């Protein structure tokens, strides 16, 4: 007997991990830009000793890459799980590649964001 709820539970789990990865990457972006914000605040108050912001930049890039890794890992786990389901549990979807495209494209954008942060 076919039960598509199993497949859709796996889809919800994947999307929850994608949200988690996006949150980690967004936190990384904020951390990477926080040192720059501190330097701008110090410059606007007239303080001449401006600290380097490379530690926050490095930590932010690590977070952005970690977010992308979480998304790719979740996508890999999802693919392995879906392959283990019997064919009768797989519903006929209009766009079956949509979650795969979403996961991979968000992970690629995360890596591109890390490269941008590295050179900006």
Protein backbone atom coordinates (compact mmCIF):
# COMPACT_ATOMS: atom_id res chain seq x y z
CA UNK A 1 0.00 0.00 0.00
CA UNK A 2 1.42 3.35 -1.06
CA UNK A 3 2.00 6.02 1.59
CA UNK A 4 3.28 9.31 0.12
CA UNK A 5 3.48 10.83 3.63
CA UNK A 6 6.87 9.15 4.06
CA UNK A 7 8.29 10.94 1.02
CA UNK A 8 6.76 14.28 1.98
CA UNK A 9 8.16 13.95 5.51
CA UNK A 10 11.60 13.52 3.94
CA UNK A 11 10.97 16.63 1.81
CA UNK A 12 10.00 18.65 4.89
CA UNK A 13 13.12 17.46 6.67
CA UNK A 14 15.29 18.52 3.73
CA UNK A 15 13.66 21.95 3.63
CA UNK A 16 14.14 22.34 7.39
CA UNK A 17 17.85 21.65 6.94
CA UNK A 18 17.97 24.13 4.05
CA UNK A 19 16.47 26.77 6.37
CA UNK A 20 19.04 25.88 9.02
CA UNK A 21 21.89 26.19 6.51
CA UNK A 22 20.55 29.53 5.31
CA UNK A 23 20.39 30.76 8.89
CA UNK A 24 23.98 29.71 9.54
CA UNK A 25 25.14 31.41 6.32
CA UNK A 26 23.22 34.60 7.17
CA UNK A 27 24.80 34.63 10.63
CA UNK A 28 28.18 34.23 8.94
CA UNK A 29 27.52 37.21 6.71
CA UNK A 30 26.57 39.33 9.72
CA UNK A 31 29.67 38.22 11.63
CA UNK A 32 31.91 38.89 8.63
CA UNK A 33 30.58 42.42 8.29
CA UNK A 34 30.55 43.17 12.03
CA UNK A 35 34.27 44.00 12.15
CA UNK A 36 33.81 46.48 9.32
CA UNK A 37 30.90 48.01 11.22
CA UNK A 38 33.08 48.39 14.31
CA UNK A 39 35.78 50.12 12.26
CA UNK A 40 33.23 52.50 10.77
CA UNK A 41 31.85 53.30 14.21
CA UNK A 42 35.35 53.94 15.55
CA UNK A 43 36.18 56.19 12.60
CA UNK A 44 32.98 58.18 13.01
CA UNK A 45 33.70 58.86 16.70
CA UNK A 46 37.21 60.06 15.94
CA UNK A 47 39.10 57.17 17.53
CA UNK A 48 42.34 56.78 15.62
CA UNK A 49 43.23 53.25 16.75
CA UNK A 50 41.21 51.07 14.41
CA UNK A 51 41.47 47.34 15.06
CA UNK A 52 41.74 44.94 12.14
CA UNK A 53 38.53 43.12 11.32
CA UNK A 54 40.06 39.95 9.86
CA UNK A 55 39.03 37.67 12.79
CA UNK A 56 35.35 38.43 12.32
CA UNK A 57 35.78 38.16 8.55
CA UNK A 58 37.43 34.74 8.86
CA UNK A 59 34.82 33.48 11.32
CA UNK A 60 32.02 34.78 9.09
CA UNK A 61 33.44 33.01 6.04
CA UNK A 62 33.67 29.79 8.06
CA UNK A 63 30.01 30.15 9.04
CA UNK A 64 28.93 30.80 5.45
CA UNK A 65 30.83 27.74 4.24
CA UNK A 66 29.41 25.69 7.13
CA UNK A 67 25.90 26.72 6.10
CA UNK A 68 26.57 25.60 2.54
CA UNK A 69 28.01 22.31 3.83
CA UNK A 70 24.91 21.73 5.96
CA UNK A 71 22.70 22.22 2.91
CA UNK A 72 24.79 19.90 0.74
CA UNK A 73 24.93 17.27 3.49
CA UNK A 74 21.17 17.41 3.95
CA UNK A 75 20.69 17.12 0.20
CA UNK A 76 22.97 14.08 0.09
CA UNK A 77 21.10 12.42 2.98
CA UNK A 78 17.78 13.18 1.31
CA UNK A 79 18.88 11.63 -1.98
CA UNK A 80 20.10 8.48 -0.21
CA UNK A 81 16.85 8.18 1.72
CA UNK A 82 14.62 8.71 -1.31
CA UNK A 83 16.57 6.05 -3.20
CA UNK A 84 15.82 3.59 -0.38
CA UNK A 85 12.04 4.11 -0.64
CA UNK A 86 10.00 1.63 -2.64
CA UNK A 87 8.72 3.00 -5.95
CA UNK A 88 5.10 2.92 -4.80
CA UNK A 89 5.92 5.41 -2.01
CA UNK A 90 7.28 7.97 -4.48
CA UNK A 91 4.52 10.32 -5.63
CA UNK A 92 4.33 11.57 -9.19
CA UNK A 93 5.47 15.18 -8.94
CA UNK A 94 5.00 17.87 -11.55
CA UNK A 95 8.56 19.16 -11.04
CA UNK A 96 10.50 16.29 -9.40
CA UNK A 97 13.87 18.07 -9.58
CA UNK A 98 12.73 21.24 -7.77
CA UNK A 99 14.05 20.41 -4.27
CA UNK A 100 17.34 19.21 -5.73
CA UNK A 101 17.73 22.41 -7.73
CA UNK A 102 16.82 24.52 -4.69
CA UNK A 103 19.32 22.80 -2.42
CA UNK A 104 22.23 22.84 -4.83
CA UNK A 105 21.64 26.41 -6.00
CA UNK A 106 21.44 27.76 -2.45
CA UNK A 107 24.63 25.92 -1.54
CA UNK A 108 26.39 27.35 -4.62
CA UNK A 109 25.21 30.85 -3.74
CA UNK A 110 26.61 30.31 -0.24
CA UNK A 111 30.00 29.37 -1.63
CA UNK A 112 29.93 32.40 -3.94
CA UNK A 113 29.07 34.58 -0.93
CA UNK A 114 32.07 33.16 0.92
CA UNK A 115 34.30 33.98 -2.05
CA UNK A 116 32.87 37.49 -2.15
CA UNK A 117 33.51 37.96 1.56
CA UNK A 118 37.05 36.68 1.14
CA UNK A 119 37.95 39.24 -1.51
CA UNK A 120 35.74 42.17 -0.46
